[in-house]
C-alpha atoms as a PDB file:
ATOM      1  CA  UNK A   1      86.376  29.660  91.198  1.00  0.00           C
ATOM      2  CA  UNK A   2      85.509  25.910  92.447  1.00  0.00           C
ATOM      3  CA  UNK A   3      82.652  25.219  90.338  1.00  0.00           C
ATOM      4  CA  UNK A   4      84.411  27.082  87.619  1.00  0.00           C
ATOM      5  CA  UNK A   5      87.392  24.893  88.173  1.00  0.00           C
ATOM      6  CA  UNK A   6      85.506  21.928  88.432  1.00  0.00           C
ATOM      7  CA  UNK A   7      83.615  22.611  84.972  1.00  0.00           C
ATOM      8  CA  UNK A   8      86.977  23.645  83.197  1.00  0.00           C
ATOM      9  CA  UNK A   9      88.631  20.229  84.462  1.00  0.00           C
ATOM     10  CA  UNK A  10      85.702  18.394  83.406  1.00  0.00           C
ATOM     11  CA  UNK A  11      85.069  19.515  80.224  1.00  0.00           C
ATOM     12  CA  UNK A  12      88.742  19.502  79.219  1.00  0.00           C
ATOM     13  CA  UNK A  13      89.010  15.582  80.685  1.00  0.00           C
ATOM     14  CA  UNK A  14      86.260  14.417  78.523  1.00  0.00           C
ATOM     15  CA  UNK A  15      88.227  16.440  75.468  1.00  0.00           C
ATOM     16  CA  UNK A  16      91.558  14.600  75.868  1.00  0.00           C
ATOM     17  CA  UNK A  17      89.707  11.639  75.653  1.00  0.00           C
ATOM     18  CA  UNK A  18      89.160  12.231  71.955  1.00  0.00           C
ATOM     19  CA  UNK A  19      92.386  13.931  71.197  1.00  0.00           C
ATOM     20  CA  UNK A  20      93.456  10.248  69.754  1.00  0.00           C
ATOM     21  CA  UNK A  21      91.564  11.300  66.480  1.00  0.00           C
ATOM     22  CA  UNK A  22      93.225  14.093  65.941  1.00  0.00           C
ATOM     23  CA  UNK A  23      96.000  14.310  62.894  1.00  0.00           C
ATOM     24  CA  UNK A  24      99.211  13.276  64.242  1.00  0.00           C
ATOM     25  CA  UNK A  25     102.378  14.981  64.534  1.00  0.00           C
ATOM     26  CA  UNK A  26     102.650  18.426  65.441  1.00  0.00           C
ATOM     27  CA  UNK A  27      99.110  18.884  65.386  1.00  0.00           C
ATOM     28  CA  UNK A  28      98.712  16.288  67.964  1.00  0.00           C
ATOM     29  CA  UNK A  29     101.182  17.281  70.334  1.00  0.00           C
ATOM     30  CA  UNK A  30      99.954  21.077  70.204  1.00  0.00           C
ATOM     31  CA  UNK A  31      96.433  19.627  71.363  1.00  0.00           C
ATOM     32  CA  UNK A  32      98.016  17.912  74.234  1.00  0.00           C
ATOM     33  CA  UNK A  33      99.870  20.808  75.118  1.00  0.00           C
ATOM     34  CA  UNK A  34      96.856  23.118  75.156  1.00  0.00           C
ATOM     35  CA  UNK A  35      94.465  20.570  76.333  1.00  0.00           C
ATOM     36  CA  UNK A  36      96.367  19.783  79.557  1.00  0.00           C
ATOM     37  CA  UNK A  37      97.295  23.260  80.330  1.00  0.00           C
ATOM     38  CA  UNK A  38      93.898  24.190  80.557  1.00  0.00           C
ATOM     39  CA  UNK A  39      92.951  20.880  82.490  1.00  0.00           C
ATOM     40  CA  UNK A  40      95.726  22.125  84.976  1.00  0.00           C
ATOM     41  CA  UNK A  41      94.248  25.374  85.130  1.00  0.00           C
ATOM     42  CA  UNK A  42      90.908  24.298  86.257  1.00  0.00           C
ATOM     43  CA  UNK A  43      92.113  21.890  88.838  1.00  0.00           C
ATOM     44  CA  UNK A  44      94.608  24.450  90.419  1.00  0.00           C
ATOM     45  CA  UNK A  45      91.505  26.356  90.830  1.00  0.00           C
ATOM     46  CA  UNK A  46      89.263  23.891  92.524  1.00  0.00           C
ATOM     47  CA  UNK A  47      91.782  22.471  94.783  1.00  0.00           C
ATOM     48  CA  UNK A  48      92.621  25.978  95.808  1.00  0.00           C
ATOM     49  CA  UNK A  49      89.129  27.072  96.707  1.00  0.00           C
ATOM     50  CA  UNK A  50      88.617  23.809  98.130  1.00  0.00           C
ATOM     51  CA  UNK A  51      91.251  25.020 100.830  1.00  0.00           C
ATOM     52  CA  UNK A  52      89.763  28.449 101.291  1.00  0.00           C
ATOM     53  CA  UNK A  53      86.307  26.860 101.727  1.00  0.00           C
ATOM     54  CA  UNK A  54      87.717  24.879 104.465  1.00  0.00           C
ATOM     55  CA  UNK A  55      89.205  27.458 106.533  1.00  0.00           C
ATOM     56  CA  UNK A  56      86.080  29.862 106.008  1.00  0.00           C
ATOM     57  CA  UNK A  57      83.508  26.981 106.940  1.00  0.00           C
ATOM     58  CA  UNK A  58      85.412  25.522 109.920  1.00  0.00           C
ATOM     59  CA  UNK A  59      87.616  28.435 111.465  1.00  0.00           C
ATOM     60  CA  UNK A  60      87.865  26.317 114.912  1.00  0.00           C
ATOM     61  CA  UNK A  61      89.041  22.925 112.828  1.00  0.00           C
ATOM     62  CA  UNK A  62      91.091  23.792 110.217  1.00  0.00           C
ATOM     63  CA  UNK A  63      93.501  21.534 110.617  1.00  0.00           C
ATOM     64  CA  UNK A  64      91.337  18.686 111.169  1.00  0.00           C
ATOM     65  CA  UNK A  65      89.086  19.268 108.241  1.00  0.00           C
ATOM     66  CA  UNK A  66      92.384  19.928 106.160  1.00  0.00           C
ATOM     67  CA  UNK A  67      93.467  16.214 107.099  1.00  0.00           C
ATOM     68  CA  UNK A  68      90.292  14.778 106.143  1.00  0.00           C
ATOM     69  CA  UNK A  69      90.101  16.593 102.713  1.00  0.00           C
ATOM     70  CA  UNK A  70      93.662  14.931 102.567  1.00  0.00           C
ATOM     71  CA  UNK A  71      92.560  11.343 103.305  1.00  0.00           C
ATOM     72  CA  UNK A  72      90.187  11.458 100.353  1.00  0.00           C
ATOM     73  CA  UNK A  73      92.906  12.924  98.180  1.00  0.00           C
ATOM     74  CA  UNK A  74      94.950   9.771  99.325  1.00  0.00           C
ATOM     75  CA  UNK A  75      92.146   7.911  98.520  1.00  0.00           C
ATOM     76  CA  UNK A  76      91.418   8.979  95.263  1.00  0.00           C
ATOM     77  CA  UNK A  77      95.353   8.420  94.469  1.00  0.00           C
ATOM     78  CA  UNK A  78      94.697   4.507  95.654  1.00  0.00           C
ATOM     79  CA  UNK A  79      91.775   3.511  93.816  1.00  0.00           C
ATOM     80  CA  UNK A  80      92.572   5.899  90.873  1.00  0.00           C
ATOM     81  CA  UNK A  81      94.920   3.586  88.658  1.00  0.00           C
ATOM     82  CA  UNK A  82      92.803  -0.031  89.268  1.00  0.00           C
ATOM     83  CA  UNK A  83      89.333   1.738  87.999  1.00  0.00           C
ATOM     84  CA  UNK A  84      91.536   3.701  85.523  1.00  0.00           C
ATOM     85  CA  UNK A  85      92.817   0.226  84.058  1.00  0.00           C
ATOM     86  CA  UNK A  86      89.338  -1.322  84.347  1.00  0.00           C
ATOM     87  CA  UNK A  87      87.916   1.448  82.541  1.00  0.00           C
ATOM     88  CA  UNK A  88      90.488   0.968  79.736  1.00  0.00           C
ATOM     89  CA  UNK A  89      90.177  -2.556  79.191  1.00  0.00           C
ATOM     90  CA  UNK A  90      86.379  -2.178  78.886  1.00  0.00           C
ATOM     91  CA  UNK A  91      86.473   0.670  76.451  1.00  0.00           C
ATOM     92  CA  UNK A  92      89.987   1.762  75.595  1.00  0.00           C
ATOM     93  CA  UNK A  93      91.868   5.069  75.760  1.00  0.00           C
ATOM     94  CA  UNK A  94      88.719   7.323  75.586  1.00  0.00           C
ATOM     95  CA  UNK A  95      86.603   5.743  78.122  1.00  0.00           C
ATOM     96  CA  UNK A  96      88.644   6.724  81.483  1.00  0.00           C
ATOM     97  CA  UNK A  97      88.744  10.345  80.615  1.00  0.00           C
ATOM     98  CA  UNK A  98      84.841  10.275  79.303  1.00  0.00           C
ATOM     99  CA  UNK A  99      83.710   8.815  82.809  1.00  0.00           C
ATOM    100  CA  UNK A 100      85.741  10.959  84.960  1.00  0.00           C
ATOM    101  CA  UNK A 101      85.294  14.249  82.962  1.00  0.00           C
ATOM    102  CA  UNK A 102      81.349  13.227  83.385  1.00  0.00           C
ATOM    103  CA  UNK A 103      81.847  12.850  87.128  1.00  0.00           C
ATOM    104  CA  UNK A 104      83.619  16.168  87.504  1.00  0.00           C
ATOM    105  CA  UNK A 105      81.178  17.993  85.494  1.00  0.00           C
ATOM    106  CA  UNK A 106      78.545  16.419  87.803  1.00  0.00           C
ATOM    107  CA  UNK A 107      80.106  17.221  90.932  1.00  0.00           C
ATOM    108  CA  UNK A 108      79.855  20.996  89.431  1.00  0.00           C
ATOM    109  CA  UNK A 109      76.266  20.825  88.915  1.00  0.00           C
ATOM    110  CA  UNK A 110      76.081  19.626  92.730  1.00  0.00           C
ATOM    111  CA  UNK A 111      78.206  22.283  93.951  1.00  0.00           C
ATOM    112  CA  UNK A 112      76.263  25.076  92.477  1.00  0.00           C
ATOM    113  CA  UNK A 113      73.342  24.130  94.702  1.00  0.00           C
ATOM    114  CA  UNK A 114      75.204  22.789  97.645  1.00  0.00           C
ATOM    115  CA  UNK A 115      78.016  25.190  98.563  1.00  0.00           C
ATOM    116  CA  UNK A 116      77.359  27.933 100.726  1.00  0.00           C
ATOM    117  CA  UNK A 117      77.857  31.248  99.062  1.00  0.00           C
ATOM    118  CA  UNK A 118      81.082  32.826  99.899  1.00  0.00           C
ATOM    119  CA  UNK A 119      81.112  36.348  99.298  1.00  0.00           C
ATOM    120  CA  UNK A 120      83.889  38.916  99.620  1.00  0.00           C
ATOM    121  CA  UNK A 121      83.352  42.012 101.750  1.00  0.00           C
ATOM    122  CA  UNK A 122      84.925  44.423  99.564  1.00  0.00           C
ATOM    123  CA  UNK A 123      85.118  47.195 102.325  1.00  0.00           C
ATOM    124  CA  UNK A 124      87.919  44.921 104.074  1.00  0.00           C
ATOM    125  CA  UNK A 125      89.895  43.926 100.862  1.00  0.00           C
ATOM    126  CA  UNK A 126      93.419  44.580 101.986  1.00  0.00           C
ATOM    127  CA  UNK A 127      96.411  44.604  99.543  1.00  0.00           C
ATOM    128  CA  UNK A 128      98.106  42.111 101.211  1.00  0.00           C
ATOM    129  CA  UNK A 129     100.317  39.800  98.349  1.00  0.00           C
ATOM    130  CA  UNK A 130     102.127  36.617  98.524  1.00  0.00           C
ATOM    131  CA  UNK A 131     105.356  38.302  98.957  1.00  0.00           C
ATOM    132  CA  UNK A 132     104.130  39.586 102.300  1.00  0.00           C
ATOM    133  CA  UNK A 133     102.658  36.086 102.921  1.00  0.00           C
ATOM    134  CA  UNK A 134     106.110  34.331 102.705  1.00  0.00           C
ATOM    135  CA  UNK A 135     108.168  36.988 104.508  1.00  0.00           C
ATOM    136  CA  UNK A 136     106.676  35.735 107.597  1.00  0.00           C
ATOM    137  CA  UNK A 137     109.224  33.163 108.580  1.00  0.00           C
ATOM    138  CA  UNK A 138     106.686  30.516 109.725  1.00  0.00           C
ATOM    139  CA  UNK A 139     105.283  30.520 106.258  1.00  0.00           C
ATOM    140  CA  UNK A 140     108.711  30.143 104.593  1.00  0.00           C
ATOM    141  CA  UNK A 141     109.210  27.810 106.625  1.00  0.00           C
ATOM    142  CA  UNK A 142     105.956  25.751 105.782  1.00  0.00           C
ATOM    143  CA  UNK A 143     106.279  26.483 102.014  1.00  0.00           C
ATOM    144  CA  UNK A 144     109.928  25.076 101.857  1.00  0.00           C
ATOM    145  CA  UNK A 145     108.685  21.985 103.808  1.00  0.00           C
ATOM    146  CA  UNK A 146     105.508  21.385 101.309  1.00  0.00           C
ATOM    147  CA  UNK A 147     108.116  21.728  98.380  1.00  0.00           C
ATOM    148  CA  UNK A 148     110.351  19.122  99.668  1.00  0.00           C
ATOM    149  CA  UNK A 149     107.577  16.617 100.817  1.00  0.00           C
ATOM    150  CA  UNK A 150     105.998  16.899  96.822  1.00  0.00           C
ATOM    151  CA  UNK A 151     109.747  16.413  95.926  1.00  0.00           C
ATOM    152  CA  UNK A 152     109.759  13.177  97.359  1.00  0.00           C
ATOM    153  CA  UNK A 153     106.470  11.697  96.650  1.00  0.00           C
ATOM    154  CA  UNK A 154     106.782  13.176  93.168  1.00  0.00           C
ATOM    155  CA  UNK A 155     110.678  11.205  93.029  1.00  0.00           C
ATOM    156  CA  UNK A 156     109.232   8.048  94.545  1.00  0.00           C
ATOM    157  CA  UNK A 157     106.585   7.049  92.783  1.00  0.00           C
ATOM    158  CA  UNK A 158     108.378   7.258  88.845  1.00  0.00           C
ATOM    159  CA  UNK A 159     111.388   5.750  89.860  1.00  0.00           C
ATOM    160  CA  UNK A 160     110.867   3.143  92.481  1.00  0.00           C
ATOM    161  CA  UNK A 161     108.520   1.216  89.958  1.00  0.00           C
ATOM    162  CA  UNK A 162     111.270   0.734  87.646  1.00  0.00           C
ATOM    163  CA  UNK A 163     113.689  -0.361  90.666  1.00  0.00           C
ATOM    164  CA  UNK A 164     111.147  -3.148  91.608  1.00  0.00           C
ATOM    165  CA  UNK A 165     111.328  -4.339  88.253  1.00  0.00           C
ATOM    166  CA  UNK A 166     114.802  -4.581  87.748  1.00  0.00           C
ATOM    167  CA  UNK A 167     115.659  -5.084  91.510  1.00  0.00           C
ATOM    168  CA  UNK A 168     112.756  -7.911  92.383  1.00  0.00           C
ATOM    169  CA  UNK A 169     111.414  -8.658  88.672  1.00  0.00           C
ATOM    170  CA  UNK A 170     108.204  -7.545  89.820  1.00  0.00           C
ATOM    171  CA  UNK A 171     105.157  -6.995  87.422  1.00  0.00           C
ATOM    172  CA  UNK A 172     102.585  -4.069  87.228  1.00  0.00           C
ATOM    173  CA  UNK A 173     100.440  -5.389  89.071  1.00  0.00           C
ATOM    174  CA  UNK A 174     102.852  -6.178  91.995  1.00  0.00           C
ATOM    175  CA  UNK A 175     104.111  -2.847  91.988  1.00  0.00           C
ATOM    176  CA  UNK A 176     100.750  -1.224  92.193  1.00  0.00           C
ATOM    177  CA  UNK A 177     100.234  -3.559  95.712  1.00  0.00           C
ATOM    178  CA  UNK A 178     103.653  -1.790  96.728  1.00  0.00           C
ATOM    179  CA  UNK A 179     102.331   1.362  96.219  1.00  0.00           C
ATOM    180  CA  UNK A 180      99.066   0.915  97.920  1.00  0.00           C
ATOM    181  CA  UNK A 181     101.254   0.765 101.455  1.00  0.00           C
ATOM    182  CA  UNK A 182     102.183   4.350 101.252  1.00  0.00           C
ATOM    183  CA  UNK A 183      98.672   5.383 100.081  1.00  0.00           C
ATOM    184  CA  UNK A 184      97.166   3.668 103.059  1.00  0.00           C
ATOM    185  CA  UNK A 185      99.304   4.781 105.504  1.00  0.00           C
ATOM    186  CA  UNK A 186      98.997   8.388 104.175  1.00  0.00           C
ATOM    187  CA  UNK A 187      94.945   8.227 104.460  1.00  0.00           C
ATOM    188  CA  UNK A 188      94.917   6.996 107.926  1.00  0.00           C
ATOM    189  CA  UNK A 189      97.716   9.234 109.336  1.00  0.00           C
ATOM    190  CA  UNK A 190      95.885  12.470 107.828  1.00  0.00           C
ATOM    191  CA  UNK A 191      92.895  13.073 109.403  1.00  0.00           C
ATOM    192  CA  UNK A 192      94.471  11.985 113.194  1.00  0.00           C
ATOM    193  CA  UNK A 193      97.234  14.492 112.317  1.00  0.00           C
ATOM    194  CA  UNK A 194      94.619  17.205 111.543  1.00  0.00           C
ATOM    195  CA  UNK A 195      93.260  16.473 114.758  1.00  0.00           C
ATOM    196  CA  UNK A 196      96.271  16.611 116.551  1.00  0.00           C
ATOM    197  CA  UNK A 197      97.117  19.933 115.043  1.00  0.00           C
ATOM    198  CA  UNK A 198      93.885  21.333 116.200  1.00  0.00           C
ATOM    199  CA  UNK A 199      94.706  20.542 119.707  1.00  0.00           C
ATOM    200  CA  UNK A 200      98.083  20.911 120.030  1.00  0.00           C
ATOM    201  CA  UNK A 201      99.371  23.615 117.694  1.00  0.00           C
ATOM    202  CA  UNK A 202     102.755  21.907 117.406  1.00  0.00           C
ATOM    203  CA  UNK A 203     103.324  22.101 113.536  1.00  0.00           C
ATOM    204  CA  UNK A 204     106.932  22.570 113.422  1.00  0.00           C
ATOM    205  CA  UNK A 205     107.592  19.351 115.714  1.00  0.00           C
ATOM    206  CA  UNK A 206     105.127  17.407 113.323  1.00  0.00           C
ATOM    207  CA  UNK A 207     107.543  18.597 110.535  1.00  0.00           C
ATOM    208  CA  UNK A 208     110.545  17.683 112.045  1.00  0.00           C
ATOM    209  CA  UNK A 209     109.041  14.193 112.825  1.00  0.00           C
ATOM    210  CA  UNK A 210     108.250  13.905 109.040  1.00  0.00           C
ATOM    211  CA  UNK A 211     111.904  14.968 108.030  1.00  0.00           C
ATOM    212  CA  UNK A 212     113.012  12.177 110.200  1.00  0.00           C
ATOM    213  CA  UNK A 213     110.439   9.789 108.868  1.00  0.00           C
ATOM    214  CA  UNK A 214     111.239  10.812 105.328  1.00  0.00           C
ATOM    215  CA  UNK A 215     114.800  10.421 105.520  1.00  0.00           C
ATOM    216  CA  UNK A 216     114.938   7.076 107.091  1.00  0.00           C
ATOM    217  CA  UNK A 217     112.436   5.809 104.425  1.00  0.00           C
ATOM    218  CA  UNK A 218     114.940   7.242 101.562  1.00  0.00           C
ATOM    219  CA  UNK A 219     117.758   5.542 103.198  1.00  0.00           C
ATOM    220  CA  UNK A 220     116.436   2.310 103.185  1.00  0.00           C
ATOM    221  CA  UNK A 221     113.914   2.002 100.313  1.00  0.00           C
ATOM    222  CA  UNK A 222     117.054   1.299  98.025  1.00  0.00           C
ATOM    223  CA  UNK A 223     118.813   0.684 100.113  1.00  0.00           C
ATOM    224  CA  UNK A 224     121.479   3.319 100.191  1.00  0.00           C
ATOM    225  CA  UNK A 225     125.166   2.438  99.422  1.00  0.00           C
ATOM    226  CA  UNK A 226     125.746   4.086 102.723  1.00  0.00           C
ATOM    227  CA  UNK A 227     124.401   1.215 105.181  1.00  0.00           C
ATOM    228  CA  UNK A 228     125.799  -1.400 103.074  1.00  0.00           C
ATOM    229  CA  UNK A 229     122.590  -3.804 102.709  1.00  0.00           C
ATOM    230  CA  UNK A 230     120.742  -6.233 100.731  1.00  0.00           C
ATOM    231  CA  UNK A 231     117.956  -5.075  99.030  1.00  0.00           C
ATOM    232  CA  UNK A 232     114.934  -7.181 100.300  1.00  0.00           C
ATOM    233  CA  UNK A 233     110.825  -6.535  99.590  1.00  0.00           C
ATOM    234  CA  UNK A 234     109.856  -6.116 103.189  1.00  0.00           C
ATOM    235  CA  UNK A 235     112.290  -3.506 103.626  1.00  0.00           C
ATOM    236  CA  UNK A 236     111.044  -1.565 100.409  1.00  0.00           C
ATOM    237  CA  UNK A 237     107.007  -1.809 101.941  1.00  0.00           C
ATOM    238  CA  UNK A 238     108.390  -0.890 105.130  1.00  0.00           C
ATOM    239  CA  UNK A 239     110.020   2.425 103.768  1.00  0.00           C
ATOM    240  CA  UNK A 240     107.141   3.269 101.761  1.00  0.00           C
ATOM    241  CA  UNK A 241     105.008   3.327 104.941  1.00  0.00           C
ATOM    242  CA  UNK A 242     107.518   5.732 106.129  1.00  0.00           C
ATOM    243  CA  UNK A 243     106.955   7.821 103.088  1.00  0.00           C
ATOM    244  CA  UNK A 244     103.385   8.124 103.449  1.00  0.00           C
ATOM    245  CA  UNK A 245     103.482   8.821 107.295  1.00  0.00           C
ATOM    246  CA  UNK A 246     106.160  11.386 106.421  1.00  0.00           C
ATOM    247  CA  UNK A 247     104.812  13.199 103.907  1.00  0.00           C
ATOM    248  CA  UNK A 248     101.627  13.077 106.071  1.00  0.00           C
ATOM    249  CA  UNK A 249     103.471  15.076 108.935  1.00  0.00           C
ATOM    250  CA  UNK A 250     104.884  17.670 106.062  1.00  0.00           C
ATOM    251  CA  UNK A 251     101.545  18.013 104.357  1.00  0.00           C
ATOM    252  CA  UNK A 252      99.073  18.282 107.136  1.00  0.00           C
ATOM    253  CA  UNK A 253     100.361  20.895 109.643  1.00  0.00           C
ATOM    254  CA  UNK A 254     101.976  23.469 107.501  1.00  0.00           C
ATOM    255  CA  UNK A 255      98.517  24.718 106.394  1.00  0.00           C
ATOM    256  CA  UNK A 256      96.813  25.219 109.581  1.00  0.00           C
ATOM    257  CA  UNK A 257     100.011  26.736 110.821  1.00  0.00           C
ATOM    258  CA  UNK A 258     100.587  29.233 107.908  1.00  0.00           C
ATOM    259  CA  UNK A 259      96.886  30.578 108.052  1.00  0.00           C
ATOM    260  CA  UNK A 260      97.508  31.144 111.893  1.00  0.00           C
ATOM    261  CA  UNK A 261     100.891  32.804 111.409  1.00  0.00           C
ATOM    262  CA  UNK A 262      99.144  35.042 108.604  1.00  0.00           C
ATOM    263  CA  UNK A 263      96.310  36.315 111.241  1.00  0.00           C
ATOM    264  CA  UNK A 264      98.837  36.916 113.854  1.00  0.00           C
ATOM    265  CA  UNK A 265     100.678  39.133 111.932  1.00  0.00           C
ATOM    266  CA  UNK A 266      97.721  41.423 110.858  1.00  0.00           C
ATOM    267  CA  UNK A 267      96.176  40.025 108.025  1.00  0.00           C
ATOM    268  CA  UNK A 268      92.703  40.116 107.678  1.00  0.00           C
ATOM    269  CA  UNK A 269      90.567  37.283 109.082  1.00  0.00           C
ATOM    270  CA  UNK A 270      88.457  37.025 105.835  1.00  0.00           C
ATOM    271  CA  UNK A 271      88.201  35.005 102.731  1.00  0.00           C
ATOM    272  CA  UNK A 272      90.829  36.967 100.881  1.00  0.00           C
ATOM    273  CA  UNK A 273      93.411  35.469 103.107  1.00  0.00           C
ATOM    274  CA  UNK A 274      92.156  32.251 102.964  1.00  0.00           C
ATOM    275  CA  UNK A 275      92.535  32.286  99.248  1.00  0.00           C
ATOM    276  CA  UNK A 276      96.171  33.627  99.554  1.00  0.00           C
ATOM    277  CA  UNK A 277      97.139  30.837 102.054  1.00  0.00           C
ATOM    278  CA  UNK A 278      95.464  28.069  99.957  1.00  0.00           C
ATOM    279  CA  UNK A 279      96.990  29.355  96.739  1.00  0.00           C
ATOM    280  CA  UNK A 280     100.215  29.248  98.293  1.00  0.00           C
ATOM    281  CA  UNK A 281     100.363  25.978  99.275  1.00  0.00           C
ATOM    282  CA  UNK A 282      98.931  24.580  96.374  1.00  0.00           C
ATOM    283  CA  UNK A 283     101.630  26.331  94.340  1.00  0.00           C
ATOM    284  CA  UNK A 284     104.400  25.045  96.713  1.00  0.00           C
ATOM    285  CA  UNK A 285     103.297  21.463  96.158  1.00  0.00           C
ATOM    286  CA  UNK A 286     102.826  21.705  92.611  1.00  0.00           C
ATOM    287  CA  UNK A 287     106.415  23.315  92.169  1.00  0.00           C
ATOM    288  CA  UNK A 288     107.914  20.411  94.380  1.00  0.00           C
ATOM    289  CA  UNK A 289     105.900  17.817  92.468  1.00  0.00           C
ATOM    290  CA  UNK A 290     107.760  19.634  88.869  1.00  0.00           C
ATOM    291  CA  UNK A 291     111.119  19.576  90.805  1.00  0.00           C
ATOM    292  CA  UNK A 292     110.581  16.116  91.966  1.00  0.00           C
ATOM    293  CA  UNK A 293     110.668  13.796  88.346  1.00  0.00           C
ATOM    294  CA  UNK A 294     113.082  16.933  86.727  1.00  0.00           C
ATOM    295  CA  UNK A 295     115.793  16.681  89.557  1.00  0.00           C
ATOM    296  CA  UNK A 296     115.631  12.948  90.370  1.00  0.00           C
ATOM    297  CA  UNK A 297     115.735  11.873  86.327  1.00  0.00           C
ATOM    298  CA  UNK A 298     119.018  13.768  86.276  1.00  0.00           C
ATOM    299  CA  UNK A 299     120.425  12.109  89.674  1.00  0.00           C
ATOM    300  CA  UNK A 300     119.194   8.740  88.919  1.00  0.00           C
ATOM    301  CA  UNK A 301     120.914   9.318  84.882  1.00  0.00           C
ATOM    302  CA  UNK A 302     124.048  10.424  86.740  1.00  0.00           C
ATOM    303  CA  UNK A 303     124.365   8.790  89.910  1.00  0.00           C
ATOM    304  CA  UNK A 304     122.091   5.775  89.648  1.00  0.00           C
ATOM    305  CA  UNK A 305     119.051   5.289  91.752  1.00  0.00           C
ATOM    306  CA  UNK A 306     120.676   4.041  95.176  1.00  0.00           C
ATOM    307  CA  UNK A 307     122.975   7.361  95.027  1.00  0.00           C
ATOM    308  CA  UNK A 308     119.529   9.356  93.885  1.00  0.00           C
ATOM    309  CA  UNK A 309     117.706   8.231  97.058  1.00  0.00           C
ATOM    310  CA  UNK A 310     120.627   9.121  99.649  1.00  0.00           C
ATOM    311  CA  UNK A 311     120.691  12.594  97.997  1.00  0.00           C
ATOM    312  CA  UNK A 312     117.072  13.060  98.067  1.00  0.00           C
ATOM    313  CA  UNK A 313     117.271  12.001 101.619  1.00  0.00           C
ATOM    314  CA  UNK A 314     119.754  14.502 102.604  1.00  0.00           C
ATOM    315  CA  UNK A 315     117.289  17.104 101.800  1.00  0.00           C
ATOM    316  CA  UNK A 316     115.315  16.242 104.402  1.00  0.00           C
ATOM    317  CA  UNK A 317     118.421  16.425 107.147  1.00  0.00           C
ATOM    318  CA  UNK A 318     119.081  20.306 105.630  1.00  0.00           C
ATOM    319  CA  UNK A 319     115.285  21.128 106.137  1.00  0.00           C
ATOM    320  CA  UNK A 320     115.668  19.093 109.652  1.00  0.00           C
ATOM    321  CA  UNK A 321     118.663  21.770 110.435  1.00  0.00           C
ATOM    322  CA  UNK A 322     116.699  24.288 109.184  1.00  0.00           C
ATOM    323  CA  UNK A 323     113.895  23.999 111.615  1.00  0.00           C
ATOM    324  CA  UNK A 324     115.696  23.247 114.646  1.00  0.00           C
ATOM    325  CA  UNK A 325     117.801  26.517 114.080  1.00  0.00           C
ATOM    326  CA  UNK A 326     114.156  28.308 113.540  1.00  0.00           C
ATOM    327  CA  UNK A 327     112.510  26.736 116.741  1.00  0.00           C
ATOM    328  CA  UNK A 328     115.519  27.850 118.536  1.00  0.00           C
ATOM    329  CA  UNK A 329     115.133  30.972 117.336  1.00  0.00           C
ATOM    330  CA  UNK A 330     111.598  31.163 118.228  1.00  0.00           C
ATOM    331  CA  UNK A 331     111.789  29.677 121.773  1.00  0.00           C
ATOM    332  CA  UNK A 332     114.463  32.461 122.111  1.00  0.00           C
ATOM    333  CA  UNK A 333     111.968  35.393 120.822  1.00  0.00           C
ATOM    334  CA  UNK A 334     109.213  33.934 123.362  1.00  0.00           C
ATOM    335  CA  UNK A 335     110.834  34.163 126.223  1.00  0.00           C
ATOM    336  CA  UNK A 336     112.551  37.779 125.375  1.00  0.00           C
ATOM    337  CA  UNK A 337     108.735  38.490 124.761  1.00  0.00           C
ATOM    338  CA  UNK A 338     107.591  37.179 128.061  1.00  0.00           C
ATOM    339  CA  UNK A 339     110.032  39.457 130.042  1.00  0.00           C
ATOM    340  CA  UNK A 340     108.737  42.529 128.471  1.00  0.00           C
ATOM    341  CA  UNK A 341     106.319  44.537 130.720  1.00  0.00           C
ATOM    342  CA  UNK A 342     102.516  44.844 130.432  1.00  0.00           C
ATOM    343  CA  UNK A 343     102.845  48.150 128.493  1.00  0.00           C
ATOM    344  CA  UNK A 344     105.796  47.230 126.464  1.00  0.00           C
ATOM    345  CA  UNK A 345     104.209  44.130 124.932  1.00  0.00           C
ATOM    346  CA  UNK A 346     101.803  45.841 122.399  1.00  0.00           C
ATOM    347  CA  UNK A 347     104.852  46.402 119.899  1.00  0.00           C
ATOM    348  CA  UNK A 348     103.771  45.662 116.561  1.00  0.00           C
ATOM    349  CA  UNK A 349     104.720  42.194 115.553  1.00  0.00           C
ATOM    350  CA  UNK A 350     105.579  42.774 112.261  1.00  0.00           C
ATOM    351  CA  UNK A 351     105.406  45.865 109.256  1.00  0.00           C
ATOM    352  CA  UNK A 352     102.628  44.039 108.080  1.00  0.00           C
ATOM    353  CA  UNK A 353     100.450  45.467 110.767  1.00  0.00           C
ATOM    354  CA  UNK A 354     101.885  48.948 109.674  1.00  0.00           C
ATOM    355  CA  UNK A 355     101.115  48.687 106.122  1.00  0.00           C
ATOM    356  CA  UNK A 356      97.350  47.702 107.003  1.00  0.00           C
ATOM    357  CA  UNK A 357      96.938  50.600 109.451  1.00  0.00           C
ATOM    358  CA  UNK A 358      98.069  52.946 106.404  1.00  0.00           C
ATOM    359  CA  UNK A 359      95.766  51.696 104.318  1.00  0.00           C
ATOM    360  CA  UNK A 360      92.692  52.254 106.216  1.00  0.00           C
END
């Protein structure tokens, strides 16, 4: 799946570079949609597989390795635009897609020889589905957190650039430097948070901190009309740094937490479960990335950029309240469990365990 995804993504990237040679009109639009859909399918395949491979190969350091993987994701987002612009200046529209596509194809070839074999034990295959996974309260909360973080990222990126141009008269190069701030913070914070999650296992509190950071950032990045502050360059840069930190806090801890909760609720400790958790994470992130520009565009058009920031900020307040309620419920449940006698404790944690035993 990982290698196939890389091959599909690389091939379609090269193909997309040649679409400017196709006939204009409906043919061009149709080909663009078809190629991008195929490329997105390939990207989803190798990204989901990469998370599962990490969980399988580093079972005791899942969060640390996931944070390291997110560091390279942040690095790609940081150096991608300047490299793409240089390639575009050197060879026009076609060159960036050919270079990136060939690099992906080369990576696919290397992965055939370099990656360890991932084999499913057919005797231990279960019938668990994504619906079973999201029925676990911890997993559902984590998925919502990932969606909200992805909404924040995908909202800030397209709409802040226009705001900076209007408010401060900044050009594309200066706007690009602005966006380096949140990427750099994310790159630095992701591996550190992964290590801390493996060591302390308090994922919900990390997500709470992420809500606070992103709420603060979105209220000051405009700034919000509720604060009655004048826009300032230093305020925007500081807010972007908080966005990078907040999104790292909301994206790195949930993966390891989802995996641990799934195993505690009876999911088998095998590659199939890792794939389910990885797929859920990737789907939640992609859904948030779709919602961000769509909802953000409607808000900016109807109430303006400053109030749109405020509304997006308060989604983090709602999530923060949900997290506090969930943490309080979890603490109460754990205290009740601790009061049980040793004979009463082997109660099944969920109906998922019953399902697994019945299937066997």
